[in-house]
Amino acid sequence: MRGLRRPLGIAATTLFVGLVAVACASADPASTPPPAALGSITPVPPEGEVAATGTVLDAAGDVELCLGPVAESYPPQCTGIPLEGWSWDGVEGADSSGDVTWGAYAVRGTYDGTSFTVTQPPILLALYDPIRPEDPTGGRPGAGDEATLAAIQDELPERLGDAYLSSSPQDGWLWVDVVWDDGSWQDAANAEYGDDTVIIRSAMTPTGG
């Protein structure tokens, strides 16, 4: 006895409904992974040479490049990133007190995400004349109000960790300075706060070398 054969039209309809269900599930916003949150990702270190300006502080041979705030003590104090390949030979503009030597310089080198290795002689910061960067806002005011920017500013040091340097609100924007950003943090900030609220500025900039 032959088994019953399902009509072709019914089978095709069932297949079509199944495909539609799969397509709807794929398009469901709830099934789409959200953008990476600011602070949950780590920017990829630069491949080539970068430039940075800051205070070089040598405490008994432990040399750091401080890109953020420096305490106005004598000698000064700051927390920076390890500076490899540094030598004071032929370098002008340094001050010393006890076993601490320091000075403000523009440096060029490579950054591996942990330490900065010098590849070029430093330039005394007082003599350094960098190219003025373009205004990322295009002169437009931001959309953040005072309370919103203050709330974001309060949470960023913990979320960005040691990469966070400083931040300041201005004209509806929160300007955030970090050690290095390859664009990942800016994209995350845009996704989380909108395209017109936070500007991430990298203290290190590619030289093209």
Foldseek 3Di string as FASTA:
>chain_A
DDDDDDDPVVVVVVVVVVVVVVVVVVVPPVPDDAADAQLNDDAAFDPDKKKFKAKWKAALNFTFGARADWAPDVVIDGDGAGEAPDDCVPPPAWDDDDRMIMAIWMFMAGDRSGYGYGDDDTHHPVPDDDDDDDDPVNPAAFDADPVRLVVVQVPPCVSNPPQWHHWDDDRQEIETEGQDHPCSNLVNCCSVPNNRHYDYDHSIDDPVD
